[in-house]
Amino acid sequence: MLKAKYCTNNRELARYYRFKANQPRRCFDNGLAIRQHASKHRGSQMSNPNRKTNTQLVDVISQLKAKSRETGSAVWRDVAMRLSRSRKNWAQPNLSRVSRHAPEGATILVPGKLLGSGDVSSNHTIAAYSVSTGAREKIEAAGGRVMTYGELMKENPSGKGVVILG
């Protein structure tokens, strides 16, 4: 049993229990006993990794990895790894970023969602996991093309000349 400690502030409590992380903590403050249990495996998520539940996304990732193994191109593997991450870490560039950073007439690959804020100055071929309706309309009005990853892999299996934006 752990010896109770009468504490006056949190600093004393933290100093007293610094090396007793796996034992229950007690502090009698104004006659009220507060008990906190420290987790034995605090911060360890290696035993239960997060898995993707969207079957369409899982299929796209497996197709990208298979194309990377087949052709030896690192572009498809890089995009597969980016899509395997948490969705909050995916790229969400706007059209203004496309017009600023991508060369004219280039094939652009967005590992995430392309948003429609901004204008497109030239015609681009853009492949993204998803594209907003405003972005699709603006790209097609400028003479560009919007395609899926599968269409881009069939058209350009080696991935040469593809610019990853994200």
Protein backbone atom coordinates (compact mmCIF):
# COMPACT_ATOMS: atom_id res chain seq x y z
CA MET A 1 0.00 0.00 0.00
CA LEU A 2 1.25 3.44 -0.89
CA LYS A 3 1.82 5.91 1.93
CA ALA A 4 -0.55 8.90 1.65
CA LYS A 5 1.08 12.30 1.27
CA TYR A 6 -0.47 15.52 2.45
CA CYS A 7 0.21 18.01 -0.30
CA THR A 8 -0.20 21.75 -0.52
CA ASN A 9 0.20 22.17 -4.26
CA ASN A 10 0.59 20.22 -7.48
CA ARG A 11 4.36 20.74 -7.63
CA GLU A 12 4.86 18.85 -4.38
CA LEU A 13 2.57 16.09 -5.56
CA ALA A 14 4.42 15.76 -8.86
CA ARG A 15 7.79 15.66 -7.07
CA TYR A 16 6.58 13.03 -4.60
CA TYR A 17 5.08 10.74 -7.22
CA ARG A 18 7.65 11.23 -9.96
CA PHE A 19 9.02 7.68 -9.73
CA LYS A 20 5.73 6.02 -8.77
CA ALA A 21 3.91 6.35 -12.09
CA ASN A 22 2.38 2.87 -12.03
CA GLN A 23 0.99 3.11 -8.49
CA PRO A 24 -2.26 4.81 -7.49
CA ARG A 25 -1.90 8.44 -6.44
CA ARG A 26 -3.51 9.88 -3.31
CA CYS A 27 -3.65 13.41 -2.06
CA PHE A 28 -5.72 14.49 0.94
CA ASP A 29 -6.73 18.02 0.16
CA ASN A 30 -9.42 19.53 2.40
CA GLY A 31 -10.39 16.05 3.55
CA LEU A 32 -11.16 14.86 -0.01
CA ALA A 33 -9.25 11.87 -1.33
CA ILE A 34 -8.40 12.06 -5.02
CA ARG A 35 -7.21 8.87 -6.69
CA GLN A 36 -5.76 8.69 -10.18
CA HIS A 37 -4.51 5.55 -11.84
CA ALA A 38 -1.58 5.95 -14.17
CA SER A 39 -1.74 3.85 -17.31
CA LYS A 40 0.83 1.10 -17.54
CA HIS A 41 1.34 1.62 -21.28
CA ARG A 42 0.87 5.34 -21.58
CA GLY A 43 1.10 6.49 -25.21
CA SER A 44 1.72 3.04 -26.67
CA GLN A 45 -0.45 2.39 -29.72
CA MET A 46 1.86 -0.06 -31.48
CA SER A 47 -0.20 -3.08 -30.45
CA ASN A 48 -3.40 -1.64 -31.98
CA PRO A 49 -2.58 0.24 -35.22
CA ASN A 50 -5.25 2.23 -36.99
CA ARG A 51 -6.49 0.58 -40.15
CA LYS A 52 -8.32 2.14 -43.06
CA THR A 53 -11.97 1.13 -43.25
CA ASN A 54 -12.78 2.74 -46.61
CA THR A 55 -12.53 -0.19 -49.03
CA GLN A 56 -12.22 2.07 -52.08
CA LEU A 57 -9.25 3.86 -50.51
CA VAL A 58 -7.63 0.56 -49.49
CA ASP A 59 -7.98 -0.66 -53.10
CA VAL A 60 -6.40 2.53 -54.48
CA ILE A 61 -3.48 2.24 -52.04
CA SER A 62 -2.90 -1.42 -52.97
CA GLN A 63 -3.04 -0.56 -56.71
CA LEU A 64 -0.48 2.20 -56.22
CA LYS A 65 1.85 -0.13 -54.32
CA ALA A 66 1.46 -2.86 -56.94
CA LYS A 67 2.26 -0.41 -59.76
CA SER A 68 5.31 0.78 -57.82
CA ARG A 69 6.58 -2.82 -57.46
CA GLU A 70 5.82 -3.56 -61.11
CA THR A 71 7.52 -0.52 -62.64
CA GLY A 72 10.05 0.34 -59.93
CA SER A 73 8.75 3.92 -59.85
CA ALA A 74 8.98 5.70 -56.51
CA VAL A 75 6.18 8.14 -57.37
CA TRP A 76 3.40 5.60 -56.85
CA ARG A 77 4.92 4.33 -53.61
CA ASP A 78 5.24 7.87 -52.26
CA VAL A 79 1.58 8.65 -53.00
CA ALA A 80 0.49 5.33 -51.45
CA MET A 81 2.40 6.14 -48.27
CA ARG A 82 0.86 9.63 -48.11
CA LEU A 83 -2.65 8.20 -48.54
CA SER A 84 -1.97 5.59 -45.84
CA ARG A 85 -1.56 8.33 -43.26
CA SER A 86 -4.36 9.87 -41.28
CA ARG A 87 -6.80 11.84 -43.39
CA LYS A 88 -6.22 14.99 -41.35
CA ASN A 89 -2.62 14.95 -42.62
CA TRP A 90 -3.58 14.70 -46.30
CA ALA A 91 -2.78 17.53 -48.69
CA GLN A 92 -5.65 19.89 -49.54
CA PRO A 93 -4.19 22.43 -51.95
CA ASN A 94 -6.25 25.10 -53.69
CA LEU A 95 -6.15 25.92 -57.39
CA SER A 96 -4.14 29.03 -56.59
CA ARG A 97 -1.29 26.81 -55.36
CA VAL A 98 -1.50 24.75 -58.57
CA SER A 99 -1.17 27.87 -60.72
CA ARG A 100 1.68 29.22 -58.55
CA HIS A 101 3.88 26.13 -58.21
CA ALA A 102 3.19 23.82 -61.15
CA PRO A 103 4.86 24.32 -64.54
CA GLU A 104 2.70 24.94 -67.62
CA GLY A 105 1.13 21.85 -69.15
CA ALA A 106 2.46 19.54 -66.43
CA THR A 107 0.80 16.44 -65.05
CA ILE A 108 0.03 17.15 -61.42
CA LEU A 109 -0.70 14.50 -58.80
CA VAL A 110 -2.42 15.58 -55.57
CA PRO A 111 -2.30 13.01 -52.73
CA GLY A 112 -5.56 14.21 -51.19
CA LYS A 113 -8.35 16.59 -52.14
CA LEU A 114 -8.04 19.49 -54.58
CA LEU A 115 -10.07 22.52 -53.52
CA GLY A 116 -11.49 25.22 -55.79
CA SER A 117 -10.29 28.50 -54.29
CA GLY A 118 -8.33 30.54 -56.84
CA ASP A 119 -8.02 30.47 -60.60
CA VAL A 120 -6.17 28.24 -63.04
CA SER A 121 -4.04 30.12 -65.57
CA SER A 122 -3.13 27.30 -67.97
CA ASN A 123 -4.28 23.84 -68.91
CA HIS A 124 -3.07 21.12 -66.56
CA THR A 125 -3.72 17.42 -66.26
CA ILE A 126 -4.56 16.85 -62.60
CA ALA A 127 -5.00 13.54 -60.80
CA ALA A 128 -6.32 13.61 -57.24
CA TYR A 129 -8.09 11.30 -54.82
CA SER A 130 -11.02 13.71 -54.81
CA VAL A 131 -11.71 17.07 -56.44
CA SER A 132 -14.28 19.64 -55.36
CA THR A 133 -16.95 20.53 -57.91
CA GLY A 134 -15.76 24.13 -58.15
CA ALA A 135 -12.20 23.03 -58.87
CA ARG A 136 -13.38 20.54 -61.51
CA GLU A 137 -15.42 23.23 -63.30
CA LYS A 138 -12.55 25.75 -63.27
CA ILE A 139 -9.99 23.22 -64.57
CA GLU A 140 -12.23 22.06 -67.40
CA ALA A 141 -13.12 25.67 -68.31
CA ALA A 142 -9.39 26.45 -68.62
CA GLY A 143 -8.90 23.48 -70.97
CA GLY A 144 -7.39 21.07 -68.45
CA ARG A 145 -8.24 17.50 -67.49
CA VAL A 146 -9.19 15.91 -64.19
CA MET A 147 -8.46 12.21 -63.83
CA THR A 148 -8.24 9.47 -61.22
CA TYR A 149 -5.10 7.71 -60.04
CA GLY A 150 -6.02 4.59 -62.03
CA GLU A 151 -6.35 6.55 -65.28
CA LEU A 152 -3.00 8.24 -64.68
CA MET A 153 -1.30 4.90 -63.94
CA LYS A 154 -2.64 3.46 -67.22
CA GLU A 155 -1.60 6.53 -69.19
CA ASN A 156 1.83 7.01 -67.58
CA PRO A 157 2.95 3.77 -65.84
CA SER A 158 6.50 4.94 -65.20
CA GLY A 159 5.37 8.19 -63.57
CA LYS A 160 7.85 10.33 -65.53
CA GLY A 161 7.06 14.04 -65.63
CA VAL A 162 4.52 13.78 -62.80
CA VAL A 163 4.66 16.59 -60.21
CA ILE A 164 3.41 15.75 -56.72
CA LEU A 165 1.71 18.79 -55.19
CA GLY A 166 0.92 18.62 -51.53
